[in-house]
């Protein structure tokens, strides 16, 4: 007669999957961007912002008492948090992640940052807000500043 023992059947529970959202953000060299990150049920959780694989070494800033780390700052508003990157450089371009610490697996939102270069062209205009069409391209440069002497700072590149 076989002795009855406990049943060690495998119990499968449905996994909780938190959907990841993707955001694209555009900034200009030397400027700053403010990124909005929203997660459900994250009011008291630790929030963080990372670039790349998002391992511990990739975390750029975390919510908590220290709200600024170099060019990164974070503002925790419960389910939503904001990350500002200042003094943007072309090398800041890439994929970032807004993360929330969870019991089990953290949740993430993907953020793709593009940084536009600032150009200086020798040009004089009498009309603020006018555009200049370059002869060999379809790129238009919109002027946000008017200087009457040597240079006009081109703040935004608009492709048509």
Protein backbone atom coordinates (compact mmCIF):
# COMPACT_ATOMS: atom_id res chain seq x y z
CA UNK A 1 0.00 0.00 0.00
CA UNK A 2 1.37 3.40 -1.06
CA UNK A 3 1.51 6.06 1.63
CA UNK A 4 -0.36 9.27 0.80
CA UNK A 5 1.72 12.44 1.02
CA UNK A 6 1.10 16.09 0.40
CA UNK A 7 0.26 17.12 -3.15
CA UNK A 8 3.05 19.31 -4.56
CA UNK A 9 1.17 20.38 -7.69
CA UNK A 10 2.40 23.47 -9.42
CA UNK A 11 0.12 26.43 -8.86
CA UNK A 12 0.17 28.94 -11.70
CA UNK A 13 -1.00 32.44 -11.01
CA UNK A 14 -1.73 34.93 -13.77
CA UNK A 15 1.15 37.39 -14.07
CA UNK A 16 0.49 41.07 -13.55
CA UNK A 17 1.71 42.91 -16.59
CA UNK A 18 1.97 46.69 -16.53
CA UNK A 19 1.85 48.18 -20.01
CA UNK A 20 4.81 50.30 -20.97
CA UNK A 21 4.13 53.57 -22.75
CA UNK A 22 6.53 55.23 -25.17
CA UNK A 23 7.18 58.97 -25.32
CA UNK A 24 9.34 61.03 -27.67
CA UNK A 25 10.88 64.26 -26.40
CA UNK A 26 12.84 66.85 -28.37
CA UNK A 27 15.21 69.46 -26.98
CA UNK A 28 17.88 71.86 -28.21
CA UNK A 29 21.57 71.88 -27.33
CA UNK A 30 22.16 74.02 -24.26
CA UNK A 31 18.46 73.96 -23.35
CA UNK A 32 16.44 71.71 -21.08
CA UNK A 33 13.53 69.28 -21.35
CA UNK A 34 10.91 68.30 -18.78
CA UNK A 35 9.73 64.71 -19.13
CA UNK A 36 6.41 63.57 -17.67
CA UNK A 37 6.30 59.98 -16.36
CA UNK A 38 2.97 58.46 -15.24
CA UNK A 39 2.39 55.10 -13.57
CA UNK A 40 -0.69 53.64 -11.89
CA UNK A 41 -0.63 52.72 -8.21
CA UNK A 42 2.73 54.41 -7.63
CA UNK A 43 1.87 57.12 -5.11
CA UNK A 44 4.36 56.05 -2.44
CA UNK A 45 6.78 54.03 -4.59
CA UNK A 46 10.34 55.10 -5.32
CA UNK A 47 10.65 56.54 -8.83
CA UNK A 48 13.83 56.67 -10.90
CA UNK A 49 15.16 57.67 -14.31
CA UNK A 50 17.79 55.70 -16.18
CA UNK A 51 19.47 55.36 -19.56
CA UNK A 52 20.42 52.15 -21.31
CA UNK A 53 19.89 48.74 -19.71
CA UNK A 54 18.52 50.37 -16.53
CA UNK A 55 20.63 48.39 -14.11
CA UNK A 56 21.66 49.95 -10.79
CA UNK A 57 24.67 51.64 -12.44
CA UNK A 58 22.44 53.16 -15.16
CA UNK A 59 20.14 55.05 -12.74
CA UNK A 60 20.67 58.79 -13.22
CA UNK A 61 18.37 60.02 -10.43
CA UNK A 62 15.90 58.62 -7.87
CA UNK A 63 13.04 60.25 -6.00
CA UNK A 64 13.68 60.97 -2.36
CA UNK A 65 15.37 63.66 -0.31
CA UNK A 66 17.93 64.48 -3.03
CA UNK A 67 15.93 66.02 -5.87
CA UNK A 68 18.86 66.98 -8.14
CA UNK A 69 21.88 65.06 -9.36
CA UNK A 70 24.09 67.01 -11.77
CA UNK A 71 22.05 67.94 -14.84
CA UNK A 72 19.07 65.77 -13.74
CA UNK A 73 16.28 66.73 -11.37
CA UNK A 74 13.17 64.81 -10.31
CA UNK A 75 9.84 66.00 -8.89
CA UNK A 76 7.58 63.29 -7.40
CA UNK A 77 3.85 64.05 -7.51
CA UNK A 78 2.48 60.61 -6.61
CA UNK A 79 1.41 58.62 -9.68
CA UNK A 80 3.14 61.17 -11.90
CA UNK A 81 6.71 62.36 -11.68
CA UNK A 82 8.74 64.82 -13.71
CA UNK A 83 12.36 64.59 -14.74
CA UNK A 84 14.20 67.64 -16.07
CA UNK A 85 17.43 67.31 -18.01
CA UNK A 86 19.30 70.62 -18.28
CA UNK A 87 22.31 71.74 -20.30
CA UNK A 88 21.41 69.35 -23.10
CA UNK A 89 24.18 68.01 -25.32
CA UNK A 90 24.00 65.95 -28.50
CA UNK A 91 25.40 63.01 -26.47
CA UNK A 92 22.24 63.08 -24.30
CA UNK A 93 20.24 61.66 -27.20
CA UNK A 94 18.96 58.14 -26.78
CA UNK A 95 16.53 55.88 -24.96
CA UNK A 96 15.73 56.53 -21.31
CA UNK A 97 13.36 54.78 -18.90
CA UNK A 98 11.02 56.17 -16.24
CA UNK A 99 11.00 53.43 -13.62
CA UNK A 100 8.93 52.68 -10.54
CA UNK A 101 10.14 50.27 -7.86
CA UNK A 102 7.56 47.52 -7.28
CA UNK A 103 7.35 44.38 -5.23
CA UNK A 104 8.49 41.80 -7.77
CA UNK A 105 9.16 43.47 -11.13
CA UNK A 106 9.56 47.23 -11.61
CA UNK A 107 7.46 49.02 -14.23
CA UNK A 108 8.90 51.29 -16.92
CA UNK A 109 7.93 53.89 -19.51
CA UNK A 110 10.22 54.33 -22.50
CA UNK A 111 11.39 57.85 -23.38
CA UNK A 112 13.28 58.63 -26.57
CA UNK A 113 15.17 61.94 -26.44
CA UNK A 114 16.33 63.78 -29.55
CA UNK A 115 18.62 66.80 -29.21
CA UNK A 116 18.74 69.30 -32.07
CA UNK A 117 21.91 71.21 -32.76
CA UNK A 118 21.94 74.99 -32.65
CA UNK A 119 23.33 76.63 -35.78
CA UNK A 120 24.78 80.09 -36.28
CA UNK A 121 24.58 81.61 -39.77
CA UNK A 122 25.92 84.93 -41.00
CA UNK A 123 22.68 86.65 -41.98
CA UNK A 124 20.92 89.95 -41.38
CA UNK A 125 17.14 90.32 -41.48
CA UNK A 126 14.73 93.09 -40.75
CA UNK A 127 11.83 90.70 -40.11
CA UNK A 128 11.76 88.74 -36.83
CA UNK A 129 10.10 85.36 -37.32
CA UNK A 130 11.00 85.21 -41.01
CA UNK A 131 12.44 82.06 -42.53
CA UNK A 132 15.44 81.44 -44.77
CA UNK A 133 15.39 78.69 -47.37
CA UNK A 134 18.78 77.18 -47.98
CA UNK A 135 19.53 76.95 -51.74
CA UNK A 136 20.47 73.25 -51.88
CA UNK A 137 17.99 71.77 -49.40
CA UNK A 138 14.40 71.82 -48.31
CA UNK A 139 15.33 72.85 -44.77
CA UNK A 140 13.85 76.07 -43.47
CA UNK A 141 15.36 77.88 -40.54
CA UNK A 142 12.94 79.82 -38.35
CA UNK A 143 14.45 82.75 -36.55
CA UNK A 144 13.42 83.47 -32.99
CA UNK A 145 15.89 86.29 -32.43
CA UNK A 146 16.83 89.29 -34.52
CA UNK A 147 20.33 90.68 -34.53
CA UNK A 148 21.07 93.48 -36.96
CA UNK A 149 24.82 92.93 -37.29
CA UNK A 150 26.60 89.62 -37.75
CA UNK A 151 24.61 86.59 -36.64
CA UNK A 152 21.09 85.36 -36.03
CA UNK A 153 20.68 82.56 -33.53
CA UNK A 154 18.68 79.82 -35.10
CA UNK A 155 16.65 78.34 -32.31
CA UNK A 156 14.50 75.86 -34.18
CA UNK A 157 15.06 73.78 -37.30
CA UNK A 158 11.85 73.08 -39.17
CA UNK A 159 11.92 70.47 -41.90
CA UNK A 160 9.37 70.80 -44.68
